[in-house]
Amino acid sequence: MVIMLGIIEFGLASNAQITITNAAREGARTMAIKNSTVAAIASVKAAAPNASVTILSSQISITPAVCTAGQVTKVQVTYPYKFLTGFFGTGYTMTGMAAMRCGG
């Protein structure tokens, strides 16, 4: 039973990590193409449609705020993951990061 709980917890945590990393990548892509932090934040949120992962604007960091051609934009998403069973602790902060060269 403990092994089964471990497998479930690991699967859910892996899914959350993949979701926030993909969301960061979508935000970086949007920022690199559109040069809009508002559009990039919306893109990050839209890329996490999973009901178990809800990303807030305060959890998204975009640098730099203006993306000039040839420059690299970086998007970081932090997410406070909570374990389902509490068997492995209460949770921890996951981080998803992505960087892309601005298109101009």
Protein backbone atom coordinates (compact mmCIF):
# COMPACT_ATOMS: atom_id res chain seq x y z
CA MET A 1 0.00 0.00 0.00
CA VAL A 2 2.83 2.40 0.84
CA ILE A 3 4.47 1.68 -2.50
CA MET A 4 1.20 2.42 -4.29
CA LEU A 5 0.86 5.76 -2.46
CA GLY A 6 4.45 6.59 -3.40
CA ILE A 7 3.77 5.85 -7.05
CA ILE A 8 0.65 8.03 -7.02
CA GLU A 9 2.40 10.92 -5.24
CA PHE A 10 5.36 10.75 -7.63
CA GLY A 11 3.06 10.72 -10.66
CA LEU A 12 1.07 13.72 -9.47
CA ALA A 13 4.23 15.67 -8.60
CA SER A 14 5.78 14.84 -11.98
CA ASN A 15 2.63 15.99 -13.76
CA ALA A 16 2.66 19.30 -11.87
CA GLN A 17 6.36 19.87 -12.66
CA ILE A 18 5.84 19.14 -16.35
CA THR A 19 2.82 21.46 -16.41
CA ILE A 20 4.62 24.45 -14.87
CA THR A 21 7.72 23.94 -17.02
CA ASN A 22 5.55 23.83 -20.15
CA ALA A 23 3.70 26.95 -18.97
CA ALA A 24 7.02 28.79 -18.54
CA ARG A 25 8.06 27.73 -22.05
CA GLU A 26 4.81 29.04 -23.52
CA GLY A 27 5.27 32.33 -21.67
CA ALA A 28 8.83 32.71 -22.95
CA ARG A 29 7.70 31.94 -26.50
CA THR A 30 4.91 34.52 -26.30
CA MET A 31 7.22 37.16 -24.82
CA ALA A 32 9.86 36.50 -27.50
CA ILE A 33 7.33 36.89 -30.31
CA LYS A 34 4.88 39.52 -29.04
CA ASN A 35 7.08 41.51 -26.62
CA SER A 36 4.18 41.85 -24.17
CA THR A 37 4.36 40.84 -20.52
CA VAL A 38 0.56 40.89 -20.32
CA ALA A 39 0.28 38.43 -23.23
CA ALA A 40 3.09 36.30 -21.79
CA ILE A 41 1.38 36.05 -18.38
CA ALA A 42 -1.91 35.13 -20.07
CA SER A 43 -0.07 32.50 -22.09
CA VAL A 44 1.47 31.00 -18.94
CA LYS A 45 -1.92 30.77 -17.26
CA ALA A 46 -3.57 29.29 -20.36
CA ALA A 47 -0.88 26.62 -20.63
CA ALA A 48 -1.87 25.20 -17.23
CA PRO A 49 -5.48 24.14 -17.79
CA ASN A 50 -5.14 21.28 -15.31
CA ALA A 51 -7.49 21.75 -12.35
CA SER A 52 -4.79 20.54 -9.96
CA VAL A 53 -2.31 23.25 -11.08
CA THR A 54 -3.49 26.86 -10.95
CA ILE A 55 -0.82 29.47 -11.66
CA LEU A 56 -1.31 32.98 -10.28
CA SER A 57 0.20 36.14 -11.78
CA SER A 58 2.28 36.61 -8.63
CA GLN A 59 3.98 33.25 -9.32
CA ILE A 60 5.28 34.37 -12.74
CA SER A 61 8.53 36.27 -13.23
CA ILE A 62 9.50 37.66 -16.64
CA THR A 63 12.88 39.28 -17.30
CA PRO A 64 13.53 41.62 -18.97
CA ALA A 65 10.20 43.47 -19.16
CA VAL A 66 11.01 44.65 -22.71
CA CYS A 67 12.28 42.12 -25.22
CA THR A 68 14.55 43.64 -27.89
CA ALA A 69 15.73 41.66 -30.92
CA GLY A 70 18.60 39.32 -30.14
CA GLN A 71 18.09 39.57 -26.38
CA VAL A 72 17.09 36.54 -24.30
CA THR A 73 13.86 36.61 -22.31
CA LYS A 74 13.48 34.39 -19.26
CA VAL A 75 10.26 33.24 -17.64
CA GLN A 76 10.18 31.59 -14.24
CA VAL A 77 7.09 30.06 -12.68
CA THR A 78 7.04 29.07 -9.01
CA TYR A 79 4.29 26.81 -7.72
CA PRO A 80 3.64 25.70 -4.13
CA TYR A 81 2.95 21.99 -4.62
CA LYS A 82 0.96 20.23 -1.89
CA PHE A 83 1.22 16.47 -1.50
CA LEU A 84 -2.05 14.59 -1.73
CA THR A 85 -1.54 12.26 1.23
CA GLY A 86 0.88 14.26 3.38
CA PHE A 87 2.91 11.07 3.75
CA PHE A 88 5.98 12.77 2.25
CA GLY A 89 5.49 16.10 4.02
CA THR A 90 3.16 18.99 3.38
CA GLY A 91 4.69 20.05 0.08
CA TYR A 92 7.44 22.07 -1.56
CA THR A 93 7.96 24.86 -4.07
CA MET A 94 8.39 23.74 -7.67
CA THR A 95 10.08 25.95 -10.24
CA GLY A 96 9.70 25.88 -14.01
CA MET A 97 12.01 28.02 -16.15
CA ALA A 98 12.39 28.76 -19.84
CA ALA A 99 14.46 31.14 -21.96
CA MET A 100 14.11 32.17 -25.60
CA ARG A 101 15.77 34.66 -27.90
CA CYS A 102 13.59 37.64 -28.77
CA GLY A 103 12.51 37.84 -32.38
CA GLY A 104 12.12 41.59 -32.74
